[in-house]
Protein backbone atom coordinates (compact mmCIF):
# COMPACT_ATOMS: atom_id res chain seq x y z
CA MET A 1 23.99 29.29 10.40
CA LYS A 2 20.36 30.02 9.60
CA ASN A 3 17.81 27.24 9.93
CA LEU A 4 17.19 24.93 7.01
CA SER A 5 13.79 24.60 5.35
CA GLU A 6 10.94 24.14 7.83
CA ARG A 7 8.91 22.56 5.03
CA THR A 8 11.25 19.57 4.84
CA ALA A 9 12.23 19.34 8.52
CA GLY A 10 9.88 16.42 9.19
CA PHE A 11 11.01 14.35 6.21
CA THR A 12 12.68 10.98 6.72
CA ASP A 13 14.44 8.99 4.06
CA SER A 14 12.28 6.71 1.93
CA VAL A 15 11.48 3.64 4.04
CA ILE A 16 11.09 1.60 0.84
CA ARG A 17 14.58 2.44 -0.41
CA ARG A 18 15.93 2.04 3.14
CA MET A 19 14.69 -1.55 3.22
CA THR A 20 16.56 -2.25 -0.01
CA ARG A 21 19.74 -1.18 1.81
CA VAL A 22 18.82 -3.38 4.77
CA SER A 23 18.26 -6.30 2.39
CA LEU A 24 21.69 -5.76 0.88
CA GLN A 25 23.27 -5.53 4.34
CA TYR A 26 21.98 -8.95 5.38
CA GLY A 27 22.04 -10.66 1.99
CA ALA A 28 18.25 -10.93 2.04
CA ILE A 29 16.06 -11.54 -0.98
CA ASN A 30 14.75 -8.06 -1.73
CA LEU A 31 10.95 -8.17 -1.88
CA SER A 32 10.75 -4.61 -0.57
CA GLN A 33 11.47 -2.09 -3.35
CA GLY A 34 9.27 -2.85 -6.35
CA PHE A 35 11.51 -3.65 -9.30
CA PRO A 36 11.67 -6.86 -11.36
CA ASP A 37 14.66 -9.18 -11.52
CA PHE A 38 13.86 -10.17 -15.11
CA ASP A 39 14.83 -8.37 -18.32
CA PRO A 40 12.74 -5.88 -20.30
CA PRO A 41 11.35 -7.02 -23.66
CA LYS A 42 14.21 -7.85 -26.03
CA GLU A 43 12.80 -5.62 -28.75
CA ILE A 44 13.33 -2.60 -26.50
CA THR A 45 16.86 -3.49 -25.41
CA ASP A 46 17.84 -4.34 -29.00
CA LYS A 47 16.66 -0.89 -30.04
CA LEU A 48 18.66 0.66 -27.20
CA SER A 49 21.79 -1.08 -28.49
CA GLU A 50 21.14 0.41 -31.92
CA VAL A 51 20.49 3.87 -30.48
CA ALA A 52 23.74 3.70 -28.50
CA GLY A 53 25.59 3.78 -31.81
CA ILE A 54 23.55 6.22 -33.84
CA GLY A 55 21.88 8.48 -31.25
CA PRO A 56 20.14 10.70 -30.41
CA HIS A 57 22.59 11.71 -27.69
CA GLN A 58 21.72 15.38 -27.16
CA TYR A 59 18.76 17.11 -25.54
CA ALA A 60 15.36 16.13 -26.84
CA LEU A 61 12.62 18.74 -27.00
CA THR A 62 11.96 19.76 -23.41
CA TRP A 63 8.52 18.18 -23.18
CA GLY A 64 9.55 14.96 -24.94
CA ALA A 65 10.56 13.57 -28.31
CA GLN A 66 7.89 13.94 -31.00
CA ASN A 67 7.67 10.24 -31.88
CA PHE A 68 7.52 9.29 -28.21
CA ARG A 69 4.62 11.64 -27.50
CA GLU A 70 2.79 10.49 -30.62
CA ALA A 71 3.18 6.85 -29.55
CA LEU A 72 1.85 7.69 -26.08
CA ALA A 73 -1.19 9.41 -27.59
CA LYS A 74 -1.96 6.42 -29.86
CA LYS A 75 -1.66 3.99 -26.96
CA GLN A 76 -4.01 6.06 -24.78
CA GLU A 77 -6.60 6.20 -27.53
CA HIS A 78 -6.30 2.48 -28.20
CA PHE A 79 -6.88 1.42 -24.60
CA TYR A 80 -9.24 4.12 -23.33
CA GLY A 81 -10.78 5.78 -26.39
CA MET A 82 -9.20 9.11 -25.38
CA LYS A 83 -8.03 11.30 -28.21
CA VAL A 84 -4.94 13.13 -26.94
CA ASN A 85 -3.06 15.89 -28.77
CA PRO A 86 0.60 14.84 -28.53
CA ASP A 87 1.80 18.42 -28.98
CA GLU A 88 -0.48 20.12 -26.47
CA GLU A 89 -1.62 17.51 -23.93
CA ILE A 90 1.49 15.45 -23.04
CA VAL A 91 4.70 16.23 -21.15
CA VAL A 92 7.38 13.53 -20.89
CA THR A 93 9.07 13.53 -17.47
CA CYS A 94 11.88 11.79 -15.60
CA GLY A 95 9.68 9.03 -14.26
CA SER A 96 6.22 9.25 -12.74
CA THR A 97 7.85 10.67 -9.61
CA GLU A 98 8.66 13.87 -11.45
CA ALA A 99 5.32 13.72 -13.25
CA MET A 100 3.50 13.81 -9.92
CA MET A 101 5.71 16.56 -8.52
CA ALA A 102 5.33 18.72 -11.63
CA ALA A 103 1.56 18.21 -11.58
CA MET A 104 1.30 19.10 -7.89
CA MET A 105 3.43 22.22 -8.26
CA SER A 106 1.34 23.28 -11.26
CA VAL A 107 -1.92 22.94 -9.33
CA CYS A 108 -1.21 23.88 -5.72
CA ASN A 109 -0.68 27.20 -4.00
CA PRO A 110 0.73 27.50 -0.46
CA GLY A 111 -2.12 26.84 1.96
CA ASP A 112 -4.13 24.63 -0.40
CA LYS A 113 -5.20 21.15 0.70
CA VAL A 114 -4.89 17.81 -1.10
CA VAL A 115 -6.94 14.69 -0.34
CA ILE A 116 -4.98 11.40 -0.29
CA PHE A 117 -6.33 7.89 0.26
CA SER A 118 -4.55 5.93 2.99
CA PRO A 119 -2.67 3.60 2.61
CA PHE A 120 -0.68 5.56 0.06
CA TYR A 121 2.62 5.54 -1.79
CA GLU A 122 4.98 7.49 0.45
CA ASN A 123 5.79 10.22 -2.10
CA TYR A 124 2.28 11.67 -2.15
CA GLY A 125 2.45 13.27 1.28
CA ALA A 126 5.93 14.63 0.58
CA ASP A 127 4.86 15.99 -2.81
CA THR A 128 1.96 17.78 -1.17
CA ILE A 129 4.20 19.36 1.48
CA LEU A 130 6.85 20.33 -1.09
CA SER A 131 4.08 22.09 -3.03
CA GLY A 132 3.23 24.13 0.06
CA ALA A 133 -0.09 22.34 0.51
CA GLU A 134 -1.56 20.34 3.38
CA PRO A 135 -2.43 16.64 3.00
CA ILE A 136 -5.81 15.34 4.19
CA TYR A 137 -6.06 11.57 4.50
CA VAL A 138 -9.12 9.41 3.84
CA PRO A 139 -8.86 5.76 4.99
CA LEU A 140 -9.26 2.77 2.73
CA LYS A 141 -10.42 0.11 5.16
CA PRO A 142 -8.72 -3.31 5.14
CA PRO A 143 -9.18 -6.00 4.00
CA THR A 144 -11.21 -4.80 0.97
CA PHE A 145 -9.83 -1.25 1.10
CA ALA A 146 -13.19 0.33 0.42
CA PHE A 147 -13.78 3.98 1.30
CA ASP A 148 -16.72 5.62 3.01
CA ALA A 149 -18.29 8.07 0.55
CA ASP A 150 -19.47 10.35 3.36
CA VAL A 151 -15.99 10.50 4.88
CA LEU A 152 -14.55 11.30 1.45
CA GLU A 153 -17.06 14.08 0.91
CA ASP A 154 -16.31 15.54 4.35
CA ALA A 155 -12.65 15.71 3.32
CA VAL A 156 -13.22 17.07 -0.18
CA LYS A 157 -15.57 19.85 0.91
CA GLN A 158 -13.13 21.34 3.40
CA PRO A 159 -12.19 24.93 2.55
CA GLY A 160 -9.06 25.14 0.46
CA VAL A 161 -9.10 21.64 -1.04
CA LYS A 162 -7.60 21.88 -4.52
CA ALA A 163 -6.99 18.27 -5.59
CA LEU A 164 -7.35 14.57 -4.84
CA ILE A 165 -4.62 12.02 -5.57
CA LEU A 166 -5.86 8.70 -6.93
CA CYS A 167 -3.49 5.74 -7.28
CA ASN A 168 -5.28 3.15 -9.41
CA PRO A 169 -4.36 0.27 -9.30
CA SER A 170 -3.12 1.12 -5.86
CA ASN A 171 0.28 0.80 -4.25
CA PRO A 172 0.61 -0.70 -1.62
CA CYS A 173 -2.72 -2.50 -1.20
CA GLY A 174 -3.37 -3.62 -4.79
CA LYS A 175 -6.87 -2.14 -4.85
CA VAL A 176 -8.48 -1.59 -8.25
CA PHE A 177 -11.20 1.04 -7.94
CA THR A 178 -14.52 -0.04 -9.42
CA TYR A 179 -16.43 2.08 -11.91
CA GLU A 180 -19.00 2.82 -9.20
CA GLU A 181 -16.26 4.04 -6.82
CA LEU A 182 -14.70 6.18 -9.54
CA LYS A 183 -18.12 7.64 -10.28
CA ILE A 184 -18.45 8.73 -6.63
CA ILE A 185 -15.00 10.35 -6.76
CA ALA A 186 -15.81 12.04 -10.07
CA GLU A 187 -19.12 13.41 -8.84
CA LEU A 188 -17.44 14.89 -5.76
CA ALA A 189 -14.64 16.37 -7.86
CA ILE A 190 -17.18 18.09 -10.07
CA LYS A 191 -19.42 19.17 -7.18
CA TYR A 192 -16.56 20.78 -5.24
CA ASP A 193 -14.51 21.85 -8.28
CA ILE A 194 -11.25 20.03 -7.57
CA TYR A 195 -8.61 18.35 -9.72
CA VAL A 196 -7.98 14.61 -9.68
CA ILE A 197 -4.29 13.75 -10.06
CA THR A 198 -3.92 10.09 -10.94
CA ASP A 199 -1.05 7.66 -10.61
CA GLU A 200 -1.74 4.89 -13.14
CA VAL A 201 1.65 3.19 -13.41
CA TYR A 202 0.10 -0.26 -12.78
CA GLU A 203 -2.66 0.19 -15.37
CA HIS A 204 -1.79 -3.04 -17.21
CA ILE A 205 -1.15 -5.17 -14.10
CA VAL A 206 -4.71 -6.11 -13.12
CA TYR A 207 -6.08 -9.52 -12.10
CA ALA A 208 -9.34 -10.89 -13.47
CA PRO A 209 -12.17 -10.17 -13.03
CA HIS A 210 -11.01 -6.67 -12.09
CA VAL A 211 -10.64 -4.01 -14.78
CA HIS A 212 -8.73 -0.74 -14.75
CA THR A 213 -10.78 2.31 -15.71
CA CYS A 214 -9.13 5.65 -16.37
CA ILE A 215 -11.18 8.20 -14.44
CA ALA A 216 -10.51 10.80 -17.15
CA THR A 217 -12.94 8.86 -19.36
CA LEU A 218 -15.86 9.46 -17.02
CA PRO A 219 -18.33 12.23 -17.96
CA SER A 220 -16.95 15.76 -17.42
CA MET A 221 -13.69 14.44 -15.94
CA ARG A 222 -11.34 14.92 -18.88
CA GLU A 223 -10.73 18.61 -18.17
CA ARG A 224 -10.10 18.16 -14.43
CA THR A 225 -8.01 14.94 -14.49
CA ILE A 226 -4.21 15.05 -14.58
CA ILE A 227 -2.85 11.62 -15.52
CA CYS A 228 0.61 10.75 -14.20
CA ASN A 229 2.08 7.55 -15.57
CA SER A 230 5.31 5.87 -16.59
CA LEU A 231 6.77 3.03 -18.62
CA SER A 232 8.61 1.56 -15.62
CA LYS A 233 6.22 -1.20 -14.62
CA THR A 234 4.61 -2.04 -17.96
CA TYR A 235 7.93 -2.65 -19.72
CA SER A 236 10.11 -3.61 -16.72
CA ILE A 237 12.39 -0.58 -17.13
CA THR A 238 12.19 1.07 -13.70
CA GLY A 239 15.74 2.41 -14.08
CA TRP A 240 15.02 4.25 -17.32
CA ARG A 241 12.91 6.88 -15.53
CA LEU A 242 10.49 7.61 -18.36
CA GLY A 243 7.19 9.08 -17.21
CA TYR A 244 4.61 11.50 -18.47
CA VAL A 245 1.78 13.86 -17.61
CA MET A 246 -1.34 13.79 -19.75
CA ALA A 247 -3.98 16.49 -19.28
CA SER A 248 -5.81 19.35 -20.97
CA ARG A 249 -3.83 21.90 -22.98
CA GLU A 250 -4.21 24.58 -20.28
CA ILE A 251 -2.87 22.31 -17.55
CA VAL A 252 -0.08 20.81 -19.66
CA ASP A 253 1.07 24.28 -20.69
CA ARG A 254 1.76 25.01 -17.01
CA VAL A 255 3.28 21.57 -16.33
CA LYS A 256 5.68 22.06 -19.28
CA LYS A 257 7.12 25.13 -17.60
CA VAL A 258 7.49 23.49 -14.20
CA HIS A 259 9.07 20.42 -15.80
CA ASP A 260 11.51 22.58 -17.75
CA PHE A 261 12.88 24.08 -14.54
CA LEU A 262 12.87 20.78 -12.63
CA THR A 263 14.75 18.48 -14.99
CA VAL A 264 14.87 20.11 -18.47
CA GLY A 265 13.94 16.81 -20.14
CA ALA A 266 13.92 13.04 -20.14
CA ALA A 267 16.77 10.97 -21.61
CA ALA A 268 16.72 11.23 -25.41
CA PRO A 269 18.21 7.80 -26.27
CA LEU A 270 15.89 6.02 -23.82
CA MET A 271 12.81 7.65 -25.32
CA GLU A 272 13.91 6.57 -28.77
CA ALA A 273 14.34 2.96 -27.66
CA ALA A 274 11.13 2.88 -25.62
CA VAL A 275 8.95 3.91 -28.59
CA VAL A 276 9.24 0.29 -29.69
CA GLY A 277 7.44 -0.81 -26.52
CA LEU A 278 4.68 1.76 -26.89
CA GLN A 279 3.95 0.28 -30.33
CA PHE A 280 3.49 -3.30 -29.08
CA GLY A 281 0.23 -5.02 -30.01
CA ASP A 282 -2.45 -6.33 -27.66
CA ASP A 283 -0.69 -9.69 -27.39
CA TYR A 284 2.10 -8.08 -25.34
CA TYR A 285 -0.32 -6.72 -22.73
CA GLN A 286 -2.22 -10.00 -22.58
CA GLY A 287 1.08 -11.79 -22.00
CA LEU A 288 2.04 -9.25 -19.34
CA GLN A 289 -1.20 -9.81 -17.47
CA ALA A 290 -0.78 -13.59 -17.70
CA HIS A 291 2.82 -13.34 -16.45
CA TYR A 292 1.89 -11.25 -13.42
CA THR A 293 -1.14 -13.43 -12.68
CA HIS A 294 1.21 -16.41 -12.56
CA MET A 295 3.62 -14.62 -10.19
CA LYS A 296 0.76 -13.52 -7.95
CA GLU A 297 -0.70 -17.03 -7.75
CA LEU A 298 2.71 -18.57 -7.11
CA PHE A 299 3.59 -16.19 -4.30
CA THR A 300 0.22 -15.80 -2.59
CA GLY A 301 -0.35 -19.55 -2.90
CA GLY A 302 2.96 -20.07 -1.13
CA LEU A 303 2.03 -17.61 1.61
CA GLN A 304 -1.24 -19.49 2.10
CA ASN A 305 0.56 -22.82 2.37
CA ILE A 306 2.87 -21.36 5.01
CA GLY A 307 -0.19 -20.21 6.96
CA LEU A 308 0.32 -16.47 6.70
CA LYS A 309 -2.62 -14.07 6.53
CA PHE A 310 -2.63 -11.55 3.68
CA THR A 311 -4.91 -9.27 1.68
CA ASN A 312 -5.52 -10.48 -1.87
CA PRO A 313 -4.33 -7.88 -4.42
CA GLN A 314 -6.64 -6.96 -7.30
CA GLY A 315 -3.88 -5.21 -9.24
CA ALA A 316 -0.25 -4.00 -9.06
CA TYR A 317 2.37 -6.44 -7.73
CA TYR A 318 2.29 -6.11 -3.96
CA VAL A 319 0.73 -8.09 -1.15
CA LEU A 320 0.16 -6.94 2.43
CA VAL A 321 0.86 -9.68 4.99
CA ASP A 322 -0.67 -9.52 8.47
CA ILE A 323 2.05 -9.95 11.13
CA SER A 324 -0.18 -9.48 14.19
CA GLU A 325 0.49 -13.01 15.45
CA PHE A 326 4.22 -12.34 15.87
CA GLY A 327 3.80 -9.90 18.76
CA TYR A 328 5.97 -7.05 17.50
CA GLU A 329 5.03 -3.51 18.54
CA SER A 330 7.03 -2.05 15.63
CA ASP A 331 6.62 -3.32 12.07
CA LEU A 332 9.93 -1.60 11.22
CA ASP A 333 11.70 -3.74 13.83
CA PHE A 334 9.92 -6.76 12.40
CA CYS A 335 11.16 -6.03 8.87
CA GLU A 336 14.72 -5.52 10.02
CA ASP A 337 14.59 -8.83 11.93
CA LEU A 338 12.97 -10.52 8.94
CA ALA A 339 15.89 -9.50 6.73
CA ARG A 340 18.45 -10.52 9.36
CA LYS A 341 16.90 -13.73 10.71
CA VAL A 342 14.94 -15.06 7.73
CA GLY A 343 16.74 -13.47 4.80
CA VAL A 344 13.78 -11.80 3.08
CA GLY A 345 13.29 -8.04 2.68
CA ALA A 346 9.90 -6.35 3.16
CA VAL A 347 8.54 -2.85 3.79
CA PRO A 348 6.81 -1.96 7.09
CA GLY A 349 3.18 -1.18 6.36
CA SER A 350 3.14 1.78 8.75
CA SER A 351 5.07 3.78 6.15
CA PHE A 352 1.97 3.67 3.92
CA PHE A 353 -0.76 4.37 6.47
CA LYS A 354 -1.63 7.69 8.07
CA GLU A 355 -3.66 5.78 10.66
CA PRO A 356 -1.73 4.07 13.50
CA GLU A 357 -1.24 0.75 11.73
CA ASN A 358 1.51 -1.75 12.55
CA ARG A 359 0.02 -5.10 11.58
CA TYR A 360 1.07 -5.23 7.91
CA ILE A 361 4.27 -5.63 5.93
CA ARG A 362 4.46 -5.29 2.15
CA PHE A 363 6.10 -7.83 -0.15
CA HIS A 364 6.37 -7.42 -3.90
CA PHE A 365 6.31 -10.38 -6.26
CA ALA A 366 7.67 -9.02 -9.57
CA LYS A 367 10.33 -11.70 -9.55
CA GLN A 368 11.37 -14.82 -11.41
CA ASP A 369 9.89 -18.12 -10.21
CA GLU A 370 13.30 -19.10 -8.87
CA THR A 371 13.49 -15.97 -6.73
CA LEU A 372 9.94 -16.32 -5.41
CA ASN A 373 10.37 -19.99 -4.59
CA LYS A 374 13.62 -19.25 -2.79
CA ALA A 375 11.93 -16.50 -0.79
CA LEU A 376 9.02 -18.82 0.08
CA ASP A 377 11.46 -21.49 1.22
CA ARG A 378 12.99 -18.98 3.63
CA LEU A 379 9.61 -17.72 4.78
CA ALA A 380 8.54 -21.28 5.60
CA ASP A 381 10.66 -21.01 8.78
CA MET A 382 9.39 -17.50 9.52
CA LYS A 383 7.03 -18.45 12.37
CA LYS A 384 9.81 -20.27 14.22
CA LYS A 385 12.46 -17.60 13.67
CA MET A 386 10.37 -14.46 14.23
CA GLN A 387 8.51 -15.15 17.47
CA ILE A 388 9.63 -12.82 20.27
């Protein structure tokens, strides 16, 4: 038999999803893969029940149902002052995962280069390779996860760089990029004529005093920014797989074609139900922020009481815990032992860093109080059970 694809030969399975399987194997509380254990807003699920009876049940328009795209455009204008044409500047995708892949394939040619901040969500490197491009990594330095502007410029100005991926707020480190940092990125993007492909799925999960700024709103950035986003985190519907790309008409016209051949379209009944969420008032988003602030304070406060070191997230719903004191050479081995011995699932931090980094594990805290308290009770014995 002929060899399989060289492009994918170095791929492993997703470490995040693998740790969910490890958690299930040992009956551990799964704080690895980032999905809530509480229900979506009732208004959305009530609408889904109604749609189940009356439809739609057939294909929606390839780039998304009209009312769904119009609701997305109104929401973007409300929060960021961006006027978006729902017919020409939005493509609805099967989750932000497909949004990112469609955007990358629309932008990159084989041999191009893409700049990625490290630590990074594991899909970004794979998306770059699948697009035929080469990833270039720029470190965000713990514990504040700031970047060196000179190092970033050295990366961006390399021959063949086509795009930069910006996850803001960031998974896994919870960094929220300041306006000043975004301005540096924007100025370099303009100077070296590159696209900025954003992942903004945690846009509404930000902890005061930090504020999320959409880089597309910065001067001269609208035409070179490709926004990838989804409803998964904002409305606690990670299994619905509703995402979207938002960009200029020229870019979206290309993304529409790539999307059409990747997945044809997102689920019609789910779009119809989710419109209800997109039409929520400001009180919903204020409540969401208050809810996640409570979960963050509960969990990180518990970690502090146990005596564990961690980096304080500014946004998203993850926390990186420093495991240096436990003496493990492999953070993957540590996470497997943590699930088996302590009964809590986590993700090894090395799966997010390009640099040789084994001192962090990632927990997520999008869980009910009962779940978090139960996990903290188990982690209270962690130092005794995990020493080697």
